[in-house]
């Protein structure tokens, strides 16, 4: 699962899922193309 890779975790851990910034960008680009100006967020 995605996790924050802090300096303390960087030596031995790798993550298999896509990093949030890379996978998030495909949504934000789509929002921009649709003229979205305001966003609501609900999450864990």
ModelCIF file with pLDDT and N, C-alpha, C, O atoms, coordinates in Angstrom:
data_MODEL
#
_entry.id   MODEL 
#
_entity.id                         1 
_entity.type                       polymer 
_entity.pdbx_number_of_molecules   1 
#
_entity_poly.entity_id                      1 
_entity_poly.type                           'polypeptide(L)' 
_entity_poly.nstd_linkage                   no 
_entity_poly.nstd_monomer                   no 
_entity_poly.pdbx_seq_one_letter_code       
;(UNK)(UNK)(UNK)(UNK)(UNK)(UNK)(UNK)(UNK)(UNK)(UNK)(UNK)(UNK)(UNK)(UNK)(UNK)(UNK)
(UNK)(UNK)(UNK)(UNK)(UNK)(UNK)(UNK)(UNK)(UNK)(UNK)(UNK)(UNK)(UNK)(UNK)(UNK)(UNK)
(UNK)(UNK)(UNK)(UNK)(UNK)(UNK)(UNK)(UNK)(UNK)(UNK)(UNK)(UNK)
;
_entity_poly.pdbx_seq_one_letter_code_can   XXXXXXXXXXXXXXXXXXXXXXXXXXXXXXXXXXXXXXXXXXXX 
_entity_poly.pdbx_strand_id                 A 
#
loop_
_entity_poly_seq.entity_id 
_entity_poly_seq.num 
_entity_poly_seq.mon_id 
_entity_poly_seq.hetero 
1 1  UNK n 
1 2  UNK n 
1 3  UNK n 
1 4  UNK n 
1 5  UNK n 
1 6  UNK n 
1 7  UNK n 
1 8  UNK n 
1 9  UNK n 
1 10 UNK n 
1 11 UNK n 
1 12 UNK n 
1 13 UNK n 
1 14 UNK n 
1 15 UNK n 
1 16 UNK n 
1 17 UNK n 
1 18 UNK n 
1 19 UNK n 
1 20 UNK n 
1 21 UNK n 
1 22 UNK n 
1 23 UNK n 
1 24 UNK n 
1 25 UNK n 
1 26 UNK n 
1 27 UNK n 
1 28 UNK n 
1 29 UNK n 
1 30 UNK n 
1 31 UNK n 
1 32 UNK n 
1 33 UNK n 
1 34 UNK n 
1 35 UNK n 
1 36 UNK n 
1 37 UNK n 
1 38 UNK n 
1 39 UNK n 
1 40 UNK n 
1 41 UNK n 
1 42 UNK n 
1 43 UNK n 
1 44 UNK n 
#
_struct_asym.id          A 
_struct_asym.entity_id   1 
#
loop_
_ma_qa_metric.id 
_ma_qa_metric.mode 
_ma_qa_metric.name 
_ma_qa_metric.software_group_id 
_ma_qa_metric.type 
1 global pLDDT . pLDDT 
2 local  pLDDT . pLDDT 
#
_ma_qa_metric_global.metric_id      1 
_ma_qa_metric_global.metric_value   96.57 
_ma_qa_metric_global.model_id       1 
_ma_qa_metric_global.ordinal_id     1 
#
loop_
_ma_qa_metric_local.label_asym_id 
_ma_qa_metric_local.label_comp_id 
_ma_qa_metric_local.label_seq_id 
_ma_qa_metric_local.metric_id 
_ma_qa_metric_local.metric_value 
_ma_qa_metric_local.model_id 
_ma_qa_metric_local.ordinal_id 
A UNK 1  2 95.00 1 1  
A UNK 2  2 92.00 1 2  
A UNK 3  2 92.00 1 3  
A UNK 4  2 93.00 1 4  
A UNK 5  2 94.00 1 5  
A UNK 6  2 95.00 1 6  
A UNK 7  2 95.00 1 7  
A UNK 8  2 94.00 1 8  
A UNK 9  2 95.00 1 9  
A UNK 10 2 97.00 1 10 
A UNK 11 2 98.00 1 11 
A UNK 12 2 98.00 1 12 
A UNK 13 2 98.00 1 13 
A UNK 14 2 98.00 1 14 
A UNK 15 2 98.00 1 15 
A UNK 16 2 98.00 1 16 
A UNK 17 2 96.00 1 17 
A UNK 18 2 95.00 1 18 
A UNK 19 2 93.00 1 19 
A UNK 20 2 94.00 1 20 
A UNK 21 2 96.00 1 21 
A UNK 22 2 96.00 1 22 
A UNK 23 2 95.00 1 23 
A UNK 24 2 97.00 1 24 
A UNK 25 2 97.00 1 25 
A UNK 26 2 97.00 1 26 
A UNK 27 2 98.00 1 27 
A UNK 28 2 98.00 1 28 
A UNK 29 2 98.00 1 29 
A UNK 30 2 98.00 1 30 
A UNK 31 2 98.00 1 31 
A UNK 32 2 98.00 1 32 
A UNK 33 2 98.00 1 33 
A UNK 34 2 98.00 1 34 
A UNK 35 2 98.00 1 35 
A UNK 36 2 98.00 1 36 
A UNK 37 2 98.00 1 37 
A UNK 38 2 98.00 1 38 
A UNK 39 2 98.00 1 39 
A UNK 40 2 98.00 1 40 
A UNK 41 2 98.00 1 41 
A UNK 42 2 98.00 1 42 
A UNK 43 2 98.00 1 43 
A UNK 44 2 97.00 1 44 
#
loop_
_atom_site.group_PDB 
_atom_site.id 
_atom_site.type_symbol 
_atom_site.label_atom_id 
_atom_site.label_alt_id 
_atom_site.label_comp_id 
_atom_site.label_asym_id 
_atom_site.label_entity_id 
_atom_site.label_seq_id 
_atom_site.pdbx_PDB_ins_code 
_atom_site.Cartn_x 
_atom_site.Cartn_y 
_atom_site.Cartn_z 
_atom_site.occupancy 
_atom_site.B_iso_or_equiv 
_atom_site.pdbx_formal_charge 
_atom_site.auth_seq_id 
_atom_site.auth_comp_id 
_atom_site.auth_asym_id 
_atom_site.auth_atom_id 
_atom_site.pdbx_PDB_model_num 
ATOM 1   N N  . UNK A 1 1  ? 0.864   -1.174 0.000   1.00 95.00 ? 1  UNK A N  1 
ATOM 2   C CA . UNK A 1 1  ? 0.000   0.000  0.000   1.00 95.00 ? 1  UNK A CA 1 
ATOM 3   C C  . UNK A 1 1  ? 0.901   1.225  0.000   1.00 95.00 ? 1  UNK A C  1 
ATOM 4   O O  . UNK A 1 1  ? 2.068   1.133  0.382   1.00 95.00 ? 1  UNK A O  1 
ATOM 5   N N  . UNK A 1 2  ? 0.377   2.374  -0.424  1.00 92.00 ? 2  UNK A N  1 
ATOM 6   C CA . UNK A 1 2  ? 1.196   3.593  -0.372  1.00 92.00 ? 2  UNK A CA 1 
ATOM 7   C C  . UNK A 1 2  ? 1.546   3.926  1.071   1.00 92.00 ? 2  UNK A C  1 
ATOM 8   O O  . UNK A 1 2  ? 0.748   3.694  1.979   1.00 92.00 ? 2  UNK A O  1 
ATOM 9   N N  . UNK A 1 3  ? 2.724   4.463  1.279   1.00 92.00 ? 3  UNK A N  1 
ATOM 10  C CA . UNK A 1 3  ? 3.126   4.893  2.615   1.00 92.00 ? 3  UNK A CA 1 
ATOM 11  C C  . UNK A 1 3  ? 4.140   6.016  2.481   1.00 92.00 ? 3  UNK A C  1 
ATOM 12  O O  . UNK A 1 3  ? 4.849   6.092  1.478   1.00 92.00 ? 3  UNK A O  1 
ATOM 13  N N  . UNK A 1 4  ? 4.220   6.890  3.479   1.00 93.00 ? 4  UNK A N  1 
ATOM 14  C CA . UNK A 1 4  ? 5.242   7.932  3.425   1.00 93.00 ? 4  UNK A CA 1 
ATOM 15  C C  . UNK A 1 4  ? 6.621   7.330  3.646   1.00 93.00 ? 4  UNK A C  1 
ATOM 16  O O  . UNK A 1 4  ? 6.879   6.699  4.671   1.00 93.00 ? 4  UNK A O  1 
ATOM 17  N N  . UNK A 1 5  ? 7.495   7.529  2.683   1.00 94.00 ? 5  UNK A N  1 
ATOM 18  C CA . UNK A 1 5  ? 8.851   7.005  2.798   1.00 94.00 ? 5  UNK A CA 1 
ATOM 19  C C  . UNK A 1 5  ? 9.721   8.070  3.466   1.00 94.00 ? 5  UNK A C  1 
ATOM 20  O O  . UNK A 1 5  ? 10.287  8.932  2.795   1.00 94.00 ? 5  UNK A O  1 
ATOM 21  N N  . UNK A 1 6  ? 9.817   7.999  4.773   1.00 95.00 ? 6  UNK A N  1 
ATOM 22  C CA . UNK A 1 6  ? 10.652  8.925  5.529   1.00 95.00 ? 6  UNK A CA 1 
ATOM 23  C C  . UNK A 1 6  ? 12.108  8.462  5.456   1.00 95.00 ? 6  UNK A C  1 
ATOM 24  O O  . UNK A 1 6  ? 12.371  7.325  5.066   1.00 95.00 ? 6  UNK A O  1 
ATOM 25  N N  . UNK A 1 7  ? 13.050  9.322  5.824   1.00 95.00 ? 7  UNK A N  1 
ATOM 26  C CA . UNK A 1 7  ? 14.458  8.892  5.809   1.00 95.00 ? 7  UNK A CA 1 
ATOM 27  C C  . UNK A 1 7  ? 14.698  7.628  6.628   1.00 95.00 ? 7  UNK A C  1 
ATOM 28  O O  . UNK A 1 7  ? 15.566  6.822  6.295   1.00 95.00 ? 7  UNK A O  1 
ATOM 29  N N  . UNK A 1 8  ? 13.926  7.458  7.703   1.00 94.00 ? 8  UNK A N  1 
ATOM 30  C CA . UNK A 1 8  ? 14.102  6.269  8.554   1.00 94.00 ? 8  UNK A CA 1 
ATOM 31  C C  . UNK A 1 8  ? 13.630  4.998  7.869   1.00 94.00 ? 8  UNK A C  1 
ATOM 32  O O  . UNK A 1 8  ? 14.028  3.902  8.262   1.00 94.00 ? 8  UNK A O  1 
ATOM 33  N N  . UNK A 1 9  ? 12.780  5.125  6.842   1.00 95.00 ? 9  UNK A N  1 
ATOM 34  C CA . UNK A 1 9  ? 12.237  3.951  6.156   1.00 95.00 ? 9  UNK A CA 1 
ATOM 35  C C  . UNK A 1 9  ? 12.818  3.758  4.763   1.00 95.00 ? 9  UNK A C  1 
ATOM 36  O O  . UNK A 1 9  ? 12.453  2.806  4.073   1.00 95.00 ? 9  UNK A O  1 
ATOM 37  N N  . UNK A 1 10 ? 13.700  4.628  4.344   1.00 97.00 ? 10 UNK A N  1 
ATOM 38  C CA . UNK A 1 10 ? 14.108  4.651  2.945   1.00 97.00 ? 10 UNK A CA 1 
ATOM 39  C C  . UNK A 1 10 ? 15.121  3.572  2.565   1.00 97.00 ? 10 UNK A C  1 
ATOM 40  O O  . UNK A 1 10 ? 15.228  3.215  1.392   1.00 97.00 ? 10 UNK A O  1 
ATOM 41  N N  . UNK A 1 11 ? 15.855  3.057  3.528   1.00 98.00 ? 11 UNK A N  1 
ATOM 42  C CA . UNK A 1 11 ? 16.936  2.128  3.155   1.00 98.00 ? 11 UNK A CA 1 
ATOM 43  C C  . UNK A 1 11 ? 16.396  0.769  2.740   1.00 98.00 ? 11 UNK A C  1 
ATOM 44  O O  . UNK A 1 11 ? 16.834  0.211  1.734   1.00 98.00 ? 11 UNK A O  1 
ATOM 45  N N  . UNK A 1 12 ? 15.447  0.228  3.503   1.00 98.00 ? 12 UNK A N  1 
ATOM 46  C CA . UNK A 1 12 ? 15.042  -1.157 3.282   1.00 98.00 ? 12 UNK A CA 1 
ATOM 47  C C  . UNK A 1 12 ? 13.647  -1.313 2.693   1.00 98.00 ? 12 UNK A C  1 
ATOM 48  O O  . UNK A 1 12 ? 13.283  -2.416 2.286   1.00 98.00 ? 12 UNK A O  1 
ATOM 49  N N  . UNK A 1 13 ? 12.857  -0.252 2.633   1.00 98.00 ? 13 UNK A N  1 
ATOM 50  C CA . UNK A 1 13 ? 11.481  -0.370 2.142   1.00 98.00 ? 13 UNK A CA 1 
ATOM 51  C C  . UNK A 1 13 ? 11.329  0.205  0.735   1.00 98.00 ? 13 UNK A C  1 
ATOM 52  O O  . UNK A 1 13 ? 11.881  1.256  0.408   1.00 98.00 ? 13 UNK A O  1 
ATOM 53  N N  . UNK A 1 14 ? 10.568  -0.512 -0.083  1.00 98.00 ? 14 UNK A N  1 
ATOM 54  C CA . UNK A 1 14 ? 10.071  0.018  -1.349  1.00 98.00 ? 14 UNK A CA 1 
ATOM 55  C C  . UNK A 1 14 ? 8.562   -0.207 -1.361  1.00 98.00 ? 14 UNK A C  1 
ATOM 56  O O  . UNK A 1 14 ? 8.048   -1.040 -0.614  1.00 98.00 ? 14 UNK A O  1 
ATOM 57  N N  . UNK A 1 15 ? 7.854   0.535  -2.208  1.00 98.00 ? 15 UNK A N  1 
ATOM 58  C CA . UNK A 1 15 ? 6.395   0.424  -2.270  1.00 98.00 ? 15 UNK A CA 1 
ATOM 59  C C  . UNK A 1 15 ? 5.970   -0.010 -3.663  1.00 98.00 ? 15 UNK A C  1 
ATOM 60  O O  . UNK A 1 15 ? 6.450   0.520  -4.665  1.00 98.00 ? 15 UNK A O  1 
ATOM 61  N N  . UNK A 1 16 ? 5.065   -0.978 -3.716  1.00 98.00 ? 16 UNK A N  1 
ATOM 62  C CA . UNK A 1 16 ? 4.582   -1.475 -4.996  1.00 98.00 ? 16 UNK A CA 1 
ATOM 63  C C  . UNK A 1 16 ? 3.486   -0.603 -5.611  1.00 98.00 ? 16 UNK A C  1 
ATOM 64  O O  . UNK A 1 16 ? 3.492   -0.434 -6.830  1.00 98.00 ? 16 UNK A O  1 
ATOM 65  N N  . UNK A 1 17 ? 2.541   -0.037 -4.842  1.00 96.00 ? 17 UNK A N  1 
ATOM 66  C CA . UNK A 1 17 ? 1.516   0.801  -5.466  1.00 96.00 ? 17 UNK A CA 1 
ATOM 67  C C  . UNK A 1 17 ? 2.101   2.091  -6.042  1.00 96.00 ? 17 UNK A C  1 
ATOM 68  O O  . UNK A 1 17 ? 3.219   2.491  -5.715  1.00 96.00 ? 17 UNK A O  1 
ATOM 69  N N  . UNK A 1 18 ? 1.331   2.713  -6.886  1.00 95.00 ? 18 UNK A N  1 
ATOM 70  C CA . UNK A 1 18 ? 1.748   3.973  -7.470  1.00 95.00 ? 18 UNK A CA 1 
ATOM 71  C C  . UNK A 1 18 ? 1.843   5.044  -6.388  1.00 95.00 ? 18 UNK A C  1 
ATOM 72  O O  . UNK A 1 18 ? 0.999   5.085  -5.493  1.00 95.00 ? 18 UNK A O  1 
ATOM 73  N N  . UNK A 1 19 ? 2.851   5.910  -6.451  1.00 93.00 ? 19 UNK A N  1 
ATOM 74  C CA . UNK A 1 19 ? 2.936   6.994  -5.470  1.00 93.00 ? 19 UNK A CA 1 
ATOM 75  C C  . UNK A 1 19 ? 1.779   7.961  -5.667  1.00 93.00 ? 19 UNK A C  1 
ATOM 76  O O  . UNK A 1 19 ? 1.358   8.223  -6.794  1.00 93.00 ? 19 UNK A O  1 
ATOM 77  N N  . UNK A 1 20 ? 1.281   8.478  -4.583  1.00 94.00 ? 20 UNK A N  1 
ATOM 78  C CA . UNK A 1 20 ? 0.114   9.357  -4.630  1.00 94.00 ? 20 UNK A CA 1 
ATOM 79  C C  . UNK A 1 20 ? 0.307   10.543 -5.577  1.00 94.00 ? 20 UNK A C  1 
ATOM 80  O O  . UNK A 1 20 ? -0.610  10.828 -6.347  1.00 94.00 ? 20 UNK A O  1 
ATOM 81  N N  . UNK A 1 21 ? 1.444   11.254 -5.572  1.00 96.00 ? 21 UNK A N  1 
ATOM 82  C CA . UNK A 1 21 ? 1.568   12.406 -6.481  1.00 96.00 ? 21 UNK A CA 1 
ATOM 83  C C  . UNK A 1 21 ? 1.461   12.042 -7.960  1.00 96.00 ? 21 UNK A C  1 
ATOM 84  O O  . UNK A 1 21 ? 0.898   12.808 -8.743  1.00 96.00 ? 21 UNK A O  1 
ATOM 85  N N  . UNK A 1 22 ? 1.993   10.889 -8.352  1.00 96.00 ? 22 UNK A N  1 
ATOM 86  C CA . UNK A 1 22 ? 1.941   10.503 -9.767  1.00 96.00 ? 22 UNK A CA 1 
ATOM 87  C C  . UNK A 1 22 ? 0.530   10.113 -10.176 1.00 96.00 ? 22 UNK A C  1 
ATOM 88  O O  . UNK A 1 22 ? 0.034   10.563 -11.209 1.00 96.00 ? 22 UNK A O  1 
ATOM 89  N N  . UNK A 1 23 ? -0.117  9.281  -9.373  1.00 95.00 ? 23 UNK A N  1 
ATOM 90  C CA . UNK A 1 23 ? -1.459  8.848  -9.741  1.00 95.00 ? 23 UNK A CA 1 
ATOM 91  C C  . UNK A 1 23 ? -2.473  9.966  -9.525  1.00 95.00 ? 23 UNK A C  1 
ATOM 92  O O  . UNK A 1 23 ? -3.487  10.024 -10.220 1.00 95.00 ? 23 UNK A O  1 
ATOM 93  N N  . UNK A 1 24 ? -2.206  10.860 -8.563  1.00 97.00 ? 24 UNK A N  1 
ATOM 94  C CA . UNK A 1 24 ? -3.106  11.985 -8.350  1.00 97.00 ? 24 UNK A CA 1 
ATOM 95  C C  . UNK A 1 24 ? -3.114  12.943 -9.525  1.00 97.00 ? 24 UNK A C  1 
ATOM 96  O O  . UNK A 1 24 ? -4.155  13.504 -9.865  1.00 97.00 ? 24 UNK A O  1 
ATOM 97  N N  . UNK A 1 25 ? -1.963  13.133 -10.147 1.00 97.00 ? 25 UNK A N  1 
ATOM 98  C CA . UNK A 1 25 ? -1.836  14.107 -11.229 1.00 97.00 ? 25 UNK A CA 1 
ATOM 99  C C  . UNK A 1 25 ? -2.779  13.806 -12.388 1.00 97.00 ? 25 UNK A C  1 
ATOM 100 O O  . UNK A 1 25 ? -3.265  14.733 -13.035 1.00 97.00 ? 25 UNK A O  1 
ATOM 101 N N  . UNK A 1 26 ? -3.047  12.532 -12.664 1.00 97.00 ? 26 UNK A N  1 
ATOM 102 C CA . UNK A 1 26 ? -3.933  12.210 -13.783 1.00 97.00 ? 26 UNK A CA 1 
ATOM 103 C C  . UNK A 1 26 ? -5.349  12.691 -13.486 1.00 97.00 ? 26 UNK A C  1 
ATOM 104 O O  . UNK A 1 26 ? -6.078  13.051 -14.410 1.00 97.00 ? 26 UNK A O  1 
ATOM 105 N N  . UNK A 1 27 ? -5.753  12.704 -12.220 1.00 98.00 ? 27 UNK A N  1 
ATOM 106 C CA . UNK A 1 27 ? -7.074  13.221 -11.861 1.00 98.00 ? 27 UNK A CA 1 
ATOM 107 C C  . UNK A 1 27 ? -7.101  14.746 -11.895 1.00 98.00 ? 27 UNK A C  1 
ATOM 108 O O  . UNK A 1 27 ? -8.060  15.344 -12.382 1.00 98.00 ? 27 UNK A O  1 
ATOM 109 N N  . UNK A 1 28 ? -6.050  15.369 -11.379 1.00 98.00 ? 28 UNK A N  1 
ATOM 110 C CA . UNK A 1 28 ? -6.033  16.826 -11.328 1.00 98.00 ? 28 UNK A CA 1 
ATOM 111 C C  . UNK A 1 28 ? -5.966  17.427 -12.731 1.00 98.00 ? 28 UNK A C  1 
ATOM 112 O O  . UNK A 1 28 ? -6.567  18.469 -12.993 1.00 98.00 ? 28 UNK A O  1 
ATOM 113 N N  . UNK A 1 29 ? -5.239  16.772 -13.626 1.00 98.00 ? 29 UNK A N  1 
ATOM 114 C CA . UNK A 1 29 ? -5.211  17.233 -15.014 1.00 98.00 ? 29 UNK A CA 1 
ATOM 115 C C  . UNK A 1 29 ? -6.602  17.138 -15.634 1.00 98.00 ? 29 UNK A C  1 
ATOM 116 O O  . UNK A 1 29 ? -7.023  18.019 -16.383 1.00 98.00 ? 29 UNK A O  1 
ATOM 117 N N  . UNK A 1 30 ? -7.308  16.058 -15.310 1.00 98.00 ? 30 UNK A N  1 
ATOM 118 C CA . UNK A 1 30 ? -8.665  15.902 -15.831 1.00 98.00 ? 30 UNK A CA 1 
ATOM 119 C C  . UNK A 1 30 ? -9.578  16.981 -15.255 1.00 98.00 ? 30 UNK A C  1 
ATOM 120 O O  . UNK A 1 30 ? -10.387 17.560 -15.979 1.00 98.00 ? 30 UNK A O  1 
ATOM 121 N N  . UNK A 1 31 ? -9.451  17.257 -13.946 1.00 98.00 ? 31 UNK A N  1 
ATOM 122 C CA . UNK A 1 31 ? -10.234 18.339 -13.337 1.00 98.00 ? 31 UNK A CA 1 
ATOM 123 C C  . UNK A 1 31 ? -9.992  19.653 -14.071 1.00 98.00 ? 31 UNK A C  1 
ATOM 124 O O  . UNK A 1 31 ? -10.936 20.375 -14.390 1.00 98.00 ? 31 UNK A O  1 
ATOM 125 N N  . UNK A 1 32 ? -8.733  19.956 -14.336 1.00 98.00 ? 32 UNK A N  1 
ATOM 126 C CA . UNK A 1 32 ? -8.382  21.204 -15.009 1.00 98.00 ? 32 UNK A CA 1 
ATOM 127 C C  . UNK A 1 32 ? -9.025  21.273 -16.387 1.00 98.00 ? 32 UNK A C  1 
ATOM 128 O O  . UNK A 1 32 ? -9.524  22.321 -16.797 1.00 98.00 ? 32 UNK A O  1 
ATOM 129 N N  . UNK A 1 33 ? -9.011  20.145 -17.100 1.00 98.00 ? 33 UNK A N  1 
ATOM 130 C CA . UNK A 1 33 ? -9.584  20.130 -18.455 1.00 98.00 ? 33 UNK A CA 1 
ATOM 131 C C  . UNK A 1 33 ? -11.092 20.332 -18.438 1.00 98.00 ? 33 UNK A C  1 
ATOM 132 O O  . UNK A 1 33 ? -11.673 20.760 -19.435 1.00 98.00 ? 33 UNK A O  1 
ATOM 133 N N  . UNK A 1 34 ? -11.726 20.027 -17.315 1.00 98.00 ? 34 UNK A N  1 
ATOM 134 C CA . UNK A 1 34 ? -13.178 20.175 -17.196 1.00 98.00 ? 34 UNK A CA 1 
ATOM 135 C C  . UNK A 1 34 ? -13.571 21.510 -16.556 1.00 98.00 ? 34 UNK A C  1 
ATOM 136 O O  . UNK A 1 34 ? -14.748 21.746 -16.284 1.00 98.00 ? 34 UNK A O  1 
ATOM 137 N N  . UNK A 1 35 ? -12.601 22.368 -16.320 1.00 98.00 ? 35 UNK A N  1 
ATOM 138 C CA . UNK A 1 35 ? -12.906 23.684 -15.777 1.00 98.00 ? 35 UNK A CA 1 
ATOM 139 C C  . UNK A 1 35 ? -13.204 23.703 -14.286 1.00 98.00 ? 35 UNK A C  1 
ATOM 140 O O  . UNK A 1 35 ? -13.827 24.648 -13.800 1.00 98.00 ? 35 UNK A O  1 
ATOM 141 N N  . UNK A 1 36 ? -12.781 22.695 -13.556 1.00 98.00 ? 36 UNK A N  1 
ATOM 142 C CA . UNK A 1 36 ? -13.012 22.631 -12.112 1.00 98.00 ? 36 UNK A CA 1 
ATOM 143 C C  . UNK A 1 36 ? -12.216 23.732 -11.409 1.00 98.00 ? 36 UNK A C  1 
ATOM 144 O O  . UNK A 1 36 ? -11.029 23.918 -11.678 1.00 98.00 ? 36 UNK A O  1 
ATOM 145 N N  . UNK A 1 37 ? -12.873 24.448 -10.518 1.00 98.00 ? 37 UNK A N  1 
ATOM 146 C CA . UNK A 1 37 ? -12.206 25.488 -9.742  1.00 98.00 ? 37 UNK A CA 1 
ATOM 147 C C  . UNK A 1 37 ? -12.190 25.186 -8.242  1.00 98.00 ? 37 UNK A C  1 
ATOM 148 O O  . UNK A 1 37 ? -11.251 25.560 -7.539  1.00 98.00 ? 37 UNK A O  1 
ATOM 149 N N  . UNK A 1 38 ? -13.235 24.508 -7.756  1.00 98.00 ? 38 UNK A N  1 
ATOM 150 C CA . UNK A 1 38 ? -13.329 24.219 -6.319  1.00 98.00 ? 38 UNK A CA 1 
ATOM 151 C C  . UNK A 1 38 ? -13.492 22.716 -6.107  1.00 98.00 ? 38 UNK A C  1 
ATOM 152 O O  . UNK A 1 38 ? -14.171 22.036 -6.876  1.00 98.00 ? 38 UNK A O  1 
ATOM 153 N N  . UNK A 1 39 ? -12.851 22.208 -5.042  1.00 98.00 ? 39 UNK A N  1 
ATOM 154 C CA . UNK A 1 39 ? -12.805 20.770 -4.782  1.00 98.00 ? 39 UNK A CA 1 
ATOM 155 C C  . UNK A 1 39 ? -13.188 20.513 -3.333  1.00 98.00 ? 39 UNK A C  1 
ATOM 156 O O  . UNK A 1 39 ? -12.723 21.210 -2.431  1.00 98.00 ? 39 UNK A O  1 
ATOM 157 N N  . UNK A 1 40 ? -14.030 19.521 -3.109  1.00 98.00 ? 40 UNK A N  1 
ATOM 158 C CA . UNK A 1 40 ? -14.307 19.020 -1.773  1.00 98.00 ? 40 UNK A CA 1 
ATOM 159 C C  . UNK A 1 40 ? -13.557 17.721 -1.572  1.00 98.00 ? 40 UNK A C  1 
ATOM 160 O O  . UNK A 1 40 ? -13.327 16.976 -2.525  1.00 98.00 ? 40 UNK A O  1 
ATOM 161 N N  . UNK A 1 41 ? -13.179 17.448 -0.348  1.00 98.00 ? 41 UNK A N  1 
ATOM 162 C CA . UNK A 1 41 ? -12.424 16.221 -0.050  1.00 98.00 ? 41 UNK A CA 1 
ATOM 163 C C  . UNK A 1 41 ? -13.063 15.476 1.105   1.00 98.00 ? 41 UNK A C  1 
ATOM 164 O O  . UNK A 1 41 ? -13.410 16.076 2.123   1.00 98.00 ? 41 UNK A O  1 
ATOM 165 N N  . UNK A 1 42 ? -13.220 14.155 0.948   1.00 98.00 ? 42 UNK A N  1 
ATOM 166 C CA . UNK A 1 42 ? -13.596 13.281 2.046   1.00 98.00 ? 42 UNK A CA 1 
ATOM 167 C C  . UNK A 1 42 ? -12.698 12.055 1.977   1.00 98.00 ? 42 UNK A C  1 
ATOM 168 O O  . UNK A 1 42 ? -12.592 11.404 0.938   1.00 98.00 ? 42 UNK A O  1 
ATOM 169 N N  . UNK A 1 43 ? -12.057 11.752 3.098   1.00 98.00 ? 43 UNK A N  1 
ATOM 170 C CA . UNK A 1 43 ? -11.122 10.638 3.105   1.00 98.00 ? 43 UNK A CA 1 
ATOM 171 C C  . UNK A 1 43 ? -11.021 10.008 4.478   1.00 98.00 ? 43 UNK A C  1 
ATOM 172 O O  . UNK A 1 43 ? -11.610 10.484 5.449   1.00 98.00 ? 43 UNK A O  1 
ATOM 173 N N  . UNK A 1 44 ? -10.259 8.925  4.537   1.00 97.00 ? 44 UNK A N  1 
ATOM 174 C CA . UNK A 1 44 ? -10.058 8.226  5.803   1.00 97.00 ? 44 UNK A CA 1 
ATOM 175 C C  . UNK A 1 44 ? -9.402  9.155  6.831   1.00 97.00 ? 44 UNK A C  1 
ATOM 176 O O  . UNK A 1 44 ? -9.152  8.743  7.964   1.00 97.00 ? 44 UNK A O  1 
#
